[in-house]
Amino acid sequence: MIRLKLENCSRALALTVISAGLCMGAVSTVSAGTLEDLREQGYATVAVANEPPYSDIKGDGYVTGAAPDVARAVMAKLGVPELRAKVVGYGAMIPALMARRVDMATSGLYIKPKRCESIIYSEPDLCGAEAFAVKKGNPFNILTYEDIGNNKDVTMTTCAGCAEEAYALERGVSKDQIKIMTDPPSGIKMLQQGRVDVFALSGLGTADLLKNFNDPSLELIMPVMGVPMGCAGAAFNSDDTEFRNAYDQALAELKSSGEFAKIVEPYGFSAAATLAVKRDDFCPGN
């Protein structure tokens, strides 16, 4: 069994850095990212966040979730027997890839044109709708980001660098209406405490949080109207095209064999939705 573990982090430190961003003491430059290098050293260093069901860091430091599980299966096909994880906030993943602090990122990092200017992606591995969490009854009748932007008394929270922050700003939400959360659970607490009116994140991630909080005073709005389905892929340094292409080939084999569906569907993701799109649909030529 191939395990994905936190690199150079004690259990206590691993839990601490989930909200802090990057595992302190584990910032040395990794290999050049070529597949030959990774096979020789026996592992790849992978950036992950902590947003179930995309990625999920357990109490003992073990990392699971749909994205790491897919990467684990793909890398096994490529002859890399181990993945070592660094906890990296979404806003810090691209800098980590560019600085080669990690070999790849696999944590539901959506494929976006702006991101494709700095990094390269695999073919899509996870797709899903967007969601809001609001107070029961949706008192401000928030169904779209435009609804937030049109009511300057409404505030929202999401994570720094997340696709949801960009969706909001692109659709008329002002910066002073957005309060950045340190991590998704803290964002739900902000909503519970009345510090914000809307929590915005991926649909499955939001649904999972609300299920865990089990708070009848909160309500899920999904899908968010006017926002396209988001699709993520494994992300790589822009110089690692050969590595990315090999990853794509192994991922395609995983999809065609049916193993891909067996991995992602228990987490609530639709394999069919992912199979229906291509990287070029989001970033032509990436």
C-alpha atoms as a PDB file:
ATOM      1  CA  MET A   1       0.000   0.000   0.000  1.00  0.00           C
ATOM      2  CA  ILE A   2       1.375   3.402  -0.954  1.00  0.00           C
ATOM      3  CA  ARG A   3       0.866   6.030   1.721  1.00  0.00           C
ATOM      4  CA  LEU A   4       0.886   9.781   1.368  1.00  0.00           C
ATOM      5  CA  LYS A   5       2.494  11.278   4.452  1.00  0.00           C
ATOM      6  CA  LEU A   6       3.474  14.708   5.651  1.00  0.00           C
ATOM      7  CA  GLU A   7       7.143  15.399   4.967  1.00  0.00           C
ATOM      8  CA  ASN A   8       9.321  16.520   7.893  1.00  0.00           C
ATOM      9  CA  CYS A   9       6.313  17.372  10.059  1.00  0.00           C
ATOM     10  CA  SER A  10       5.513  15.997  13.466  1.00  0.00           C
ATOM     11  CA  ARG A  11       1.869  15.240  14.131  1.00  0.00           C
ATOM     12  CA  ALA A  12       1.447  18.349  16.218  1.00  0.00           C
ATOM     13  CA  LEU A  13       3.223  20.558  13.695  1.00  0.00           C
ATOM     14  CA  ALA A  14       1.235  19.052  10.850  1.00  0.00           C
ATOM     15  CA  LEU A  15      -2.008  20.012  12.537  1.00  0.00           C
ATOM     16  CA  THR A  16      -0.718  23.511  13.268  1.00  0.00           C
ATOM     17  CA  VAL A  17       0.390  24.281   9.735  1.00  0.00           C
ATOM     18  CA  ILE A  18      -2.919  23.361   8.151  1.00  0.00           C
ATOM     19  CA  SER A  19      -4.012  26.945   8.703  1.00  0.00           C
ATOM     20  CA  ALA A  20      -0.549  28.497   8.603  1.00  0.00           C
ATOM     21  CA  GLY A  21       0.093  27.479   4.994  1.00  0.00           C
ATOM     22  CA  LEU A  22       3.449  25.760   4.455  1.00  0.00           C
ATOM     23  CA  CYS A  23       5.127  23.193   6.668  1.00  0.00           C
ATOM     24  CA  MET A  24       7.863  25.075   8.481  1.00  0.00           C
ATOM     25  CA  GLY A  25      11.211  23.359   8.429  1.00  0.00           C
ATOM     26  CA  ALA A  26      10.363  21.665   5.153  1.00  0.00           C
ATOM     27  CA  VAL A  27      11.145  24.416   2.680  1.00  0.00           C
ATOM     28  CA  SER A  28      14.288  23.115   0.996  1.00  0.00           C
ATOM     29  CA  THR A  29      14.291  22.885  -2.775  1.00  0.00           C
ATOM     30  CA  VAL A  30      13.195  19.514  -4.130  1.00  0.00           C
ATOM     31  CA  SER A  31      14.415  17.691  -7.199  1.00  0.00           C
ATOM     32  CA  ALA A  32      14.115  19.143 -10.674  1.00  0.00           C
ATOM     33  CA  GLY A  33      10.836  17.283 -10.937  1.00  0.00           C
ATOM     34  CA  THR A  34      11.785  14.920 -13.747  1.00  0.00           C
ATOM     35  CA  LEU A  35      10.184  11.527 -13.566  1.00  0.00           C
ATOM     36  CA  GLU A  36      13.608   9.854 -13.651  1.00  0.00           C
ATOM     37  CA  ASP A  37      14.654  11.838 -10.573  1.00  0.00           C
ATOM     38  CA  LEU A  38      11.523  10.865  -8.708  1.00  0.00           C
ATOM     39  CA  ARG A  39      11.839   7.187  -9.555  1.00  0.00           C
ATOM     40  CA  GLU A  40      15.450   7.203  -8.408  1.00  0.00           C
ATOM     41  CA  GLN A  41      14.736   8.869  -5.079  1.00  0.00           C
ATOM     42  CA  GLY A  42      11.588   6.799  -4.580  1.00  0.00           C
ATOM     43  CA  TYR A  43       9.106   9.563  -3.813  1.00  0.00           C
ATOM     44  CA  ALA A  44       7.551  12.806  -5.012  1.00  0.00           C
ATOM     45  CA  THR A  45       6.917  15.839  -2.817  1.00  0.00           C
ATOM     46  CA  VAL A  46       3.319  16.983  -3.175  1.00  0.00           C
ATOM     47  CA  ALA A  47       1.552  20.172  -2.078  1.00  0.00           C
ATOM     48  CA  VAL A  48      -1.820  19.566  -0.446  1.00  0.00           C
ATOM     49  CA  ALA A  49      -4.370  21.741   1.329  1.00  0.00           C
ATOM     50  CA  ASN A  50      -6.944  20.573   3.841  1.00  0.00           C
ATOM     51  CA  GLU A  51     -10.338  20.836   2.165  1.00  0.00           C
ATOM     52  CA  PRO A  52     -12.309  17.583   2.336  1.00  0.00           C
ATOM     53  CA  PRO A  53     -13.288  15.845   0.168  1.00  0.00           C
ATOM     54  CA  TYR A  54     -10.582  17.206  -2.177  1.00  0.00           C
ATOM     55  CA  SER A  55      -7.845  16.533   0.373  1.00  0.00           C
ATOM     56  CA  ASP A  56      -8.103  15.526   4.000  1.00  0.00           C
ATOM     57  CA  ILE A  57      -5.373  15.470   6.642  1.00  0.00           C
ATOM     58  CA  LYS A  58      -6.162  12.979   9.371  1.00  0.00           C
ATOM     59  CA  GLY A  59      -5.216  13.365  13.016  1.00  0.00           C
ATOM     60  CA  ASP A  60      -2.165  11.144  12.610  1.00  0.00           C
ATOM     61  CA  GLY A  61      -0.881  13.204   9.670  1.00  0.00           C
ATOM     62  CA  TYR A  62      -2.037  10.751   7.001  1.00  0.00           C
ATOM     63  CA  VAL A  63      -3.294  12.562   3.891  1.00  0.00           C
ATOM     64  CA  THR A  64      -6.205  11.223   1.926  1.00  0.00           C
ATOM     65  CA  GLY A  65      -9.083  12.688  -0.110  1.00  0.00           C
ATOM     66  CA  ALA A  66     -10.006  12.401  -3.769  1.00  0.00           C
ATOM     67  CA  ALA A  67      -7.094  14.403  -5.213  1.00  0.00           C
ATOM     68  CA  PRO A  68      -4.257  12.730  -3.251  1.00  0.00           C
ATOM     69  CA  ASP A  69      -5.814   9.304  -3.826  1.00  0.00           C
ATOM     70  CA  VAL A  70      -5.866   9.892  -7.587  1.00  0.00           C
ATOM     71  CA  ALA A  71      -2.277  11.155  -7.530  1.00  0.00           C
ATOM     72  CA  ARG A  72      -1.207   8.164  -5.447  1.00  0.00           C
ATOM     73  CA  ALA A  73      -2.665   5.755  -8.016  1.00  0.00           C
ATOM     74  CA  VAL A  74      -1.188   7.647 -10.983  1.00  0.00           C
ATOM     75  CA  MET A  75       2.287   7.888  -9.476  1.00  0.00           C
ATOM     76  CA  ALA A  76       2.227   4.180  -8.643  1.00  0.00           C
ATOM     77  CA  LYS A  77       1.694   3.517 -12.343  1.00  0.00           C
ATOM     78  CA  LEU A  78       4.697   5.746 -13.074  1.00  0.00           C
ATOM     79  CA  GLY A  79       6.958   3.809 -10.731  1.00  0.00           C
ATOM     80  CA  VAL A  80       7.093   6.292  -7.856  1.00  0.00           C
ATOM     81  CA  PRO A  81       6.181   4.303  -4.734  1.00  0.00           C
ATOM     82  CA  GLU A  82       5.730   7.114  -2.224  1.00  0.00           C
ATOM     83  CA  LEU A  83       4.238  10.594  -1.988  1.00  0.00           C
ATOM     84  CA  ARG A  84       5.394  13.025   0.688  1.00  0.00           C
ATOM     85  CA  ALA A  85       3.014  15.866   1.418  1.00  0.00           C
ATOM     86  CA  LYS A  86       3.607  19.471   2.378  1.00  0.00           C
ATOM     87  CA  VAL A  87       0.643  21.478   3.630  1.00  0.00           C
ATOM     88  CA  VAL A  88       0.366  24.558   1.432  1.00  0.00           C
ATOM     89  CA  GLY A  89      -2.470  27.090   1.260  1.00  0.00           C
ATOM     90  CA  TYR A  90      -4.073  27.489  -2.152  1.00  0.00           C
ATOM     91  CA  GLY A  91      -2.626  30.972  -2.533  1.00  0.00           C
ATOM     92  CA  ALA A  92       0.886  29.628  -1.935  1.00  0.00           C
ATOM     93  CA  MET A  93       0.746  26.549  -4.179  1.00  0.00           C
ATOM     94  CA  ILE A  94       1.876  28.247  -7.373  1.00  0.00           C
ATOM     95  CA  PRO A  95       4.854  29.976  -5.695  1.00  0.00           C
ATOM     96  CA  ALA A  96       5.800  26.621  -4.143  1.00  0.00           C
ATOM     97  CA  LEU A  97       5.737  24.964  -7.568  1.00  0.00           C
ATOM     98  CA  MET A  98       7.686  27.772  -9.210  1.00  0.00           C
ATOM     99  CA  ALA A  99      10.329  27.707  -6.460  1.00  0.00           C
ATOM    100  CA  ARG A 100      10.481  23.881  -6.650  1.00  0.00           C
ATOM    101  CA  ARG A 101       9.645  23.418  -3.007  1.00  0.00           C
ATOM    102  CA  VAL A 102       7.311  20.694  -4.259  1.00  0.00           C
ATOM    103  CA  ASP A 103       7.255  18.447  -7.323  1.00  0.00           C
ATOM    104  CA  MET A 104       3.531  18.781  -7.892  1.00  0.00           C
ATOM    105  CA  ALA A 105       0.319  20.006  -6.276  1.00  0.00           C
ATOM    106  CA  THR A 106      -2.745  17.829  -5.943  1.00  0.00           C
ATOM    107  CA  SER A 107      -5.483  19.290  -3.808  1.00  0.00           C
ATOM    108  CA  GLY A 108      -8.310  20.532  -5.994  1.00  0.00           C
ATOM    109  CA  LEU A 109      -6.427  23.523  -7.452  1.00  0.00           C
ATOM    110  CA  TYR A 110      -8.835  24.666 -10.168  1.00  0.00           C
ATOM    111  CA  ILE A 111      -7.555  25.037 -13.704  1.00  0.00           C
ATOM    112  CA  LYS A 112      -7.768  28.789 -14.374  1.00  0.00           C
ATOM    113  CA  PRO A 113      -6.303  30.849 -17.246  1.00  0.00           C
ATOM    114  CA  LYS A 114      -4.423  33.180 -14.895  1.00  0.00           C
ATOM    115  CA  ARG A 115      -2.821  30.234 -13.118  1.00  0.00           C
ATOM    116  CA  CYS A 116      -1.877  28.686 -16.447  1.00  0.00           C
ATOM    117  CA  GLU A 117       0.403  31.659 -17.088  1.00  0.00           C
ATOM    118  CA  SER A 118       2.716  30.359 -14.343  1.00  0.00           C
ATOM    119  CA  ILE A 119       2.230  26.578 -14.111  1.00  0.00           C
ATOM    120  CA  ILE A 120       1.034  23.630 -16.157  1.00  0.00           C
ATOM    121  CA  TYR A 121      -1.764  21.197 -15.349  1.00  0.00           C
ATOM    122  CA  SER A 122      -2.637  17.594 -15.952  1.00  0.00           C
ATOM    123  CA  GLU A 123      -5.915  16.749 -17.623  1.00  0.00           C
ATOM    124  CA  PRO A 124      -8.821  17.380 -15.208  1.00  0.00           C
ATOM    125  CA  ASP A 125      -9.107  14.978 -12.308  1.00  0.00           C
ATOM    126  CA  LEU A 126     -11.969  16.471 -10.245  1.00  0.00           C
ATOM    127  CA  CYS A 127     -14.957  18.605 -11.265  1.00  0.00           C
ATOM    128  CA  GLY A 128     -17.746  20.069  -9.190  1.00  0.00           C
ATOM    129  CA  ALA A 129     -20.244  22.865  -8.658  1.00  0.00           C
ATOM    130  CA  GLU A 130     -19.758  25.897  -6.424  1.00  0.00           C
ATOM    131  CA  ALA A 131     -21.745  26.532  -3.240  1.00  0.00           C
ATOM    132  CA  PHE A 132     -22.609  29.070  -0.567  1.00  0.00           C
ATOM    133  CA  ALA A 133     -23.419  28.484   3.066  1.00  0.00           C
ATOM    134  CA  VAL A 134     -25.792  31.037   4.584  1.00  0.00           C
ATOM    135  CA  LYS A 135     -28.016  31.408   7.621  1.00  0.00           C
ATOM    136  CA  LYS A 136     -31.191  29.316   7.527  1.00  0.00           C
ATOM    137  CA  GLY A 137     -33.803  30.864   5.273  1.00  0.00           C
ATOM    138  CA  ASN A 138     -31.171  32.754   3.274  1.00  0.00           C
ATOM    139  CA  PRO A 139     -32.212  36.138   4.755  1.00  0.00           C
ATOM    140  CA  PHE A 140     -30.401  38.205   2.112  1.00  0.00           C
ATOM    141  CA  ASN A 141     -31.619  35.968  -0.757  1.00  0.00           C
ATOM    142  CA  ILE A 142     -28.066  35.307  -1.949  1.00  0.00           C
ATOM    143  CA  LEU A 143     -28.024  33.036  -4.997  1.00  0.00           C
ATOM    144  CA  THR A 144     -25.189  34.611  -6.993  1.00  0.00           C
ATOM    145  CA  TYR A 145     -22.012  36.579  -6.427  1.00  0.00           C
ATOM    146  CA  GLU A 146     -23.784  39.492  -8.102  1.00  0.00           C
ATOM    147  CA  ASP A 147     -26.347  39.398  -5.277  1.00  0.00           C
ATOM    148  CA  ILE A 148     -23.490  39.942  -2.813  1.00  0.00           C
ATOM    149  CA  GLY A 149     -21.974  42.742  -4.877  1.00  0.00           C
ATOM    150  CA  ASN A 150     -25.326  44.510  -5.200  1.00  0.00           C
ATOM    151  CA  ASN A 151     -25.819  44.667  -1.433  1.00  0.00           C
ATOM    152  CA  LYS A 152     -22.854  46.400   0.188  1.00  0.00           C
ATOM    153  CA  ASP A 153     -24.141  45.449   3.643  1.00  0.00           C
ATOM    154  CA  VAL A 154     -23.473  41.778   2.850  1.00  0.00           C
ATOM    155  CA  THR A 155     -20.064  40.289   3.620  1.00  0.00           C
ATOM    156  CA  MET A 156     -18.615  36.933   2.652  1.00  0.00           C
ATOM    157  CA  THR A 157     -15.677  34.728   3.485  1.00  0.00           C
ATOM    158  CA  THR A 158     -13.490  32.438   1.426  1.00  0.00           C
ATOM    159  CA  CYS A 159      -9.807  31.486   1.394  1.00  0.00           C
ATOM    160  CA  ALA A 160      -7.014  33.644   0.012  1.00  0.00           C
ATOM    161  CA  GLY A 161      -6.116  32.637  -3.516  1.00  0.00           C
ATOM    162  CA  CYS A 162      -9.134  30.358  -3.917  1.00  0.00           C
ATOM    163  CA  ALA A 163     -11.137  30.400  -7.137  1.00  0.00           C
ATOM    164  CA  GLU A 164     -14.095  31.722  -5.136  1.00  0.00           C
ATOM    165  CA  GLU A 165     -12.235  34.924  -4.305  1.00  0.00           C
ATOM    166  CA  ALA A 166     -11.682  35.542  -8.016  1.00  0.00           C
ATOM    167  CA  TYR A 167     -15.301  34.658  -8.858  1.00  0.00           C
ATOM    168  CA  ALA A 168     -16.474  37.242  -6.330  1.00  0.00           C
ATOM    169  CA  LEU A 169     -14.200  40.068  -7.492  1.00  0.00           C
ATOM    170  CA  GLU A 170     -14.972  39.374 -11.158  1.00  0.00           C
ATOM    171  CA  ARG A 171     -18.703  39.636 -10.439  1.00  0.00           C
ATOM    172  CA  GLY A 172     -18.826  42.927  -8.592  1.00  0.00           C
ATOM    173  CA  VAL A 173     -18.071  42.021  -4.981  1.00  0.00           C
ATOM    174  CA  SER A 174     -15.764  44.661  -3.486  1.00  0.00           C
ATOM    175  CA  LYS A 175     -12.605  43.730  -1.620  1.00  0.00           C
ATOM    176  CA  ASP A 176     -13.919  45.191   1.611  1.00  0.00           C
ATOM    177  CA  GLN A 177     -16.893  42.801   1.442  1.00  0.00           C
ATOM    178  CA  ILE A 178     -14.550  39.791   1.526  1.00  0.00           C
ATOM    179  CA  LYS A 179     -13.114  38.584   4.823  1.00  0.00           C
ATOM    180  CA  ILE A 180     -10.420  35.971   4.291  1.00  0.00           C
ATOM    181  CA  MET A 181     -10.691  32.859   6.465  1.00  0.00           C
ATOM    182  CA  THR A 182      -7.685  31.007   7.835  1.00  0.00           C
ATOM    183  CA  ASP A 183      -9.227  27.628   6.969  1.00  0.00           C
ATOM    184  CA  PRO A 184     -12.700  26.310   6.029  1.00  0.00           C
ATOM    185  CA  PRO A 185     -13.836  25.373   9.581  1.00  0.00           C
ATOM    186  CA  SER A 186     -12.946  28.870  10.807  1.00  0.00           C
ATOM    187  CA  GLY A 187     -14.965  30.292   7.925  1.00  0.00           C
ATOM    188  CA  ILE A 188     -18.054  28.367   9.017  1.00  0.00           C
ATOM    189  CA  LYS A 189     -17.533  29.664  12.550  1.00  0.00           C
ATOM    190  CA  MET A 190     -17.422  33.214  11.169  1.00  0.00           C
ATOM    191  CA  LEU A 191     -20.810  32.557   9.561  1.00  0.00           C
ATOM    192  CA  GLN A 192     -22.216  31.056  12.763  1.00  0.00           C
ATOM    193  CA  GLN A 193     -21.042  34.056  14.791  1.00  0.00           C
ATOM    194  CA  GLY A 194     -22.571  36.557  12.375  1.00  0.00           C
ATOM    195  CA  ARG A 195     -19.213  38.011  11.361  1.00  0.00           C
ATOM    196  CA  VAL A 196     -20.051  37.278   7.710  1.00  0.00           C
ATOM    197  CA  ASP A 197     -23.277  36.585   5.835  1.00  0.00           C
ATOM    198  CA  VAL A 198     -22.002  34.143   3.207  1.00  0.00           C
ATOM    199  CA  PHE A 199     -19.424  31.352   3.177  1.00  0.00           C
ATOM    200  CA  ALA A 200     -18.177  30.509  -0.345  1.00  0.00           C
ATOM    201  CA  LEU A 201     -16.247  27.412  -1.375  1.00  0.00           C
ATOM    202  CA  SER A 202     -16.505  24.346  -3.600  1.00  0.00           C
ATOM    203  CA  GLY A 203     -19.842  22.584  -3.474  1.00  0.00           C
ATOM    204  CA  LEU A 204     -18.694  19.267  -2.072  1.00  0.00           C
ATOM    205  CA  GLY A 205     -16.303  20.940   0.344  1.00  0.00           C
ATOM    206  CA  THR A 206     -19.074  23.176   1.690  1.00  0.00           C
ATOM    207  CA  ALA A 207     -21.540  20.297   1.922  1.00  0.00           C
ATOM    208  CA  ASP A 208     -18.974  18.213   3.827  1.00  0.00           C
ATOM    209  CA  LEU A 209     -18.354  21.042   6.289  1.00  0.00           C
ATOM    210  CA  LEU A 210     -22.046  21.588   6.957  1.00  0.00           C
ATOM    211  CA  LYS A 211     -22.529  17.872   7.474  1.00  0.00           C
ATOM    212  CA  ASN A 212     -19.723  17.814  10.031  1.00  0.00           C
ATOM    213  CA  PHE A 213     -20.919  20.938  11.846  1.00  0.00           C
ATOM    214  CA  ASN A 214     -24.502  19.649  11.881  1.00  0.00           C
ATOM    215  CA  ASP A 215     -25.840  23.123  12.632  1.00  0.00           C
ATOM    216  CA  PRO A 216     -29.556  23.462  11.749  1.00  0.00           C
ATOM    217  CA  SER A 217     -29.178  27.260  11.664  1.00  0.00           C
ATOM    218  CA  LEU A 218     -27.101  27.027   8.461  1.00  0.00           C
ATOM    219  CA  GLU A 219     -28.221  26.302   4.909  1.00  0.00           C
ATOM    220  CA  LEU A 220     -26.476  25.114   1.728  1.00  0.00           C
ATOM    221  CA  ILE A 221     -27.002  26.984  -1.568  1.00  0.00           C
ATOM    222  CA  MET A 222     -25.773  24.798  -4.451  1.00  0.00           C
ATOM    223  CA  PRO A 223     -25.048  25.306  -7.242  1.00  0.00           C
ATOM    224  CA  VAL A 224     -24.175  28.993  -7.252  1.00  0.00           C
ATOM    225  CA  MET A 225     -25.924  30.529 -10.227  1.00  0.00           C
ATOM    226  CA  GLY A 226     -23.777  32.166 -12.907  1.00  0.00           C
ATOM    227  CA  VAL A 227     -20.546  30.349 -12.030  1.00  0.00           C
ATOM    228  CA  PRO A 228     -19.182  27.592 -14.274  1.00  0.00           C
ATOM    229  CA  MET A 229     -18.410  24.161 -12.949  1.00  0.00           C
ATOM    230  CA  GLY A 230     -14.882  24.172 -11.619  1.00  0.00           C
ATOM    231  CA  CYS A 231     -12.382  21.506 -12.599  1.00  0.00           C
ATOM    232  CA  ALA A 232      -9.035  20.804 -10.987  1.00  0.00           C
ATOM    233  CA  GLY A 233      -5.959  18.914 -12.075  1.00  0.00           C
ATOM    234  CA  ALA A 234      -2.543  18.032 -10.759  1.00  0.00           C
ATOM    235  CA  ALA A 235      -0.276  21.068 -11.126  1.00  0.00           C
ATOM    236  CA  PHE A 236       3.405  21.145 -12.116  1.00  0.00           C
ATOM    237  CA  ASN A 237       6.306  23.512 -12.623  1.00  0.00           C
ATOM    238  CA  SER A 238       6.055  24.910 -16.158  1.00  0.00           C
ATOM    239  CA  ASP A 239       9.390  23.298 -17.118  1.00  0.00           C
ATOM    240  CA  ASP A 240       8.159  19.786 -16.260  1.00  0.00           C
ATOM    241  CA  THR A 241       6.230  19.079 -19.442  1.00  0.00           C
ATOM    242  CA  GLU A 242       7.626  15.559 -19.855  1.00  0.00           C
ATOM    243  CA  PHE A 243       6.646  14.692 -16.294  1.00  0.00           C
ATOM    244  CA  ARG A 244       3.182  16.199 -16.828  1.00  0.00           C
ATOM    245  CA  ASN A 245       2.707  14.336 -20.113  1.00  0.00           C
ATOM    246  CA  ALA A 246       3.643  11.013 -18.504  1.00  0.00           C
ATOM    247  CA  TYR A 247       1.221  11.797 -15.690  1.00  0.00           C
ATOM    248  CA  ASP A 248      -1.512  12.507 -18.262  1.00  0.00           C
ATOM    249  CA  GLN A 249      -0.937   9.155 -19.935  1.00  0.00           C
ATOM    250  CA  ALA A 250      -1.145   7.245 -16.662  1.00  0.00           C
ATOM    251  CA  LEU A 251      -4.226   9.261 -15.635  1.00  0.00           C
ATOM    252  CA  ALA A 252      -5.902   8.377 -18.936  1.00  0.00           C
ATOM    253  CA  GLU A 253      -5.216   4.701 -18.277  1.00  0.00           C
ATOM    254  CA  LEU A 254      -6.707   5.073 -14.810  1.00  0.00           C
ATOM    255  CA  LYS A 255      -9.829   6.661 -16.287  1.00  0.00           C
ATOM    256  CA  SER A 256     -10.286   4.093 -19.056  1.00  0.00           C
ATOM    257  CA  SER A 257      -9.864   1.143 -16.697  1.00  0.00           C
ATOM    258  CA  GLY A 258     -12.660   2.298 -14.407  1.00  0.00           C
ATOM    259  CA  GLU A 259     -10.287   2.619 -11.456  1.00  0.00           C
ATOM    260  CA  PHE A 260     -10.601   6.404 -11.558  1.00  0.00           C
ATOM    261  CA  ALA A 261     -14.361   6.238 -10.949  1.00  0.00           C
ATOM    262  CA  LYS A 262     -13.818   3.842  -8.058  1.00  0.00           C
ATOM    263  CA  ILE A 263     -11.494   6.382  -6.439  1.00  0.00           C
ATOM    264  CA  VAL A 264     -13.456   9.615  -6.866  1.00  0.00           C
ATOM    265  CA  GLU A 265     -17.106   8.581  -6.686  1.00  0.00           C
ATOM    266  CA  PRO A 266     -17.052   7.507  -3.001  1.00  0.00           C
ATOM    267  CA  TYR A 267     -16.007  11.100  -2.262  1.00  0.00           C
ATOM    268  CA  GLY A 268     -19.068  12.420  -4.100  1.00  0.00           C
ATOM    269  CA  PHE A 269     -17.371  13.463  -7.355  1.00  0.00           C
ATOM    270  CA  SER A 270     -18.801  12.528 -10.743  1.00  0.00           C
ATOM    271  CA  ALA A 271     -16.326  10.622 -12.885  1.00  0.00           C
ATOM    272  CA  ALA A 272     -18.569  11.221 -15.909  1.00  0.00           C
ATOM    273  CA  ALA A 273     -18.420  14.993 -15.404  1.00  0.00           C
ATOM    274  CA  THR A 274     -14.639  14.899 -15.329  1.00  0.00           C
ATOM    275  CA  LEU A 275     -14.414  12.661 -18.382  1.00  0.00           C
ATOM    276  CA  ALA A 276     -16.541  15.141 -20.334  1.00  0.00           C
ATOM    277  CA  VAL A 277     -13.987  17.968 -20.172  1.00  0.00           C
ATOM    278  CA  LYS A 278     -10.389  18.584 -21.207  1.00  0.00           C
ATOM    279  CA  ARG A 279      -7.615  20.843 -19.966  1.00  0.00           C
ATOM    280  CA  ASP A 280      -7.884  22.837 -23.212  1.00  0.00           C
ATOM    281  CA  ASP A 281     -11.459  23.760 -22.274  1.00  0.00           C
ATOM    282  CA  PHE A 282      -9.996  25.905 -19.492  1.00  0.00           C
ATOM    283  CA  CYS A 283      -6.453  26.708 -20.637  1.00  0.00           C
ATOM    284  CA  PRO A 284      -5.929  26.136 -24.374  1.00  0.00           C
ATOM    285  CA  GLY A 285      -2.366  25.157 -25.135  1.00  0.00           C
ATOM    286  CA  ASN A 286      -1.334  24.656 -21.516  1.00  0.00           C
END
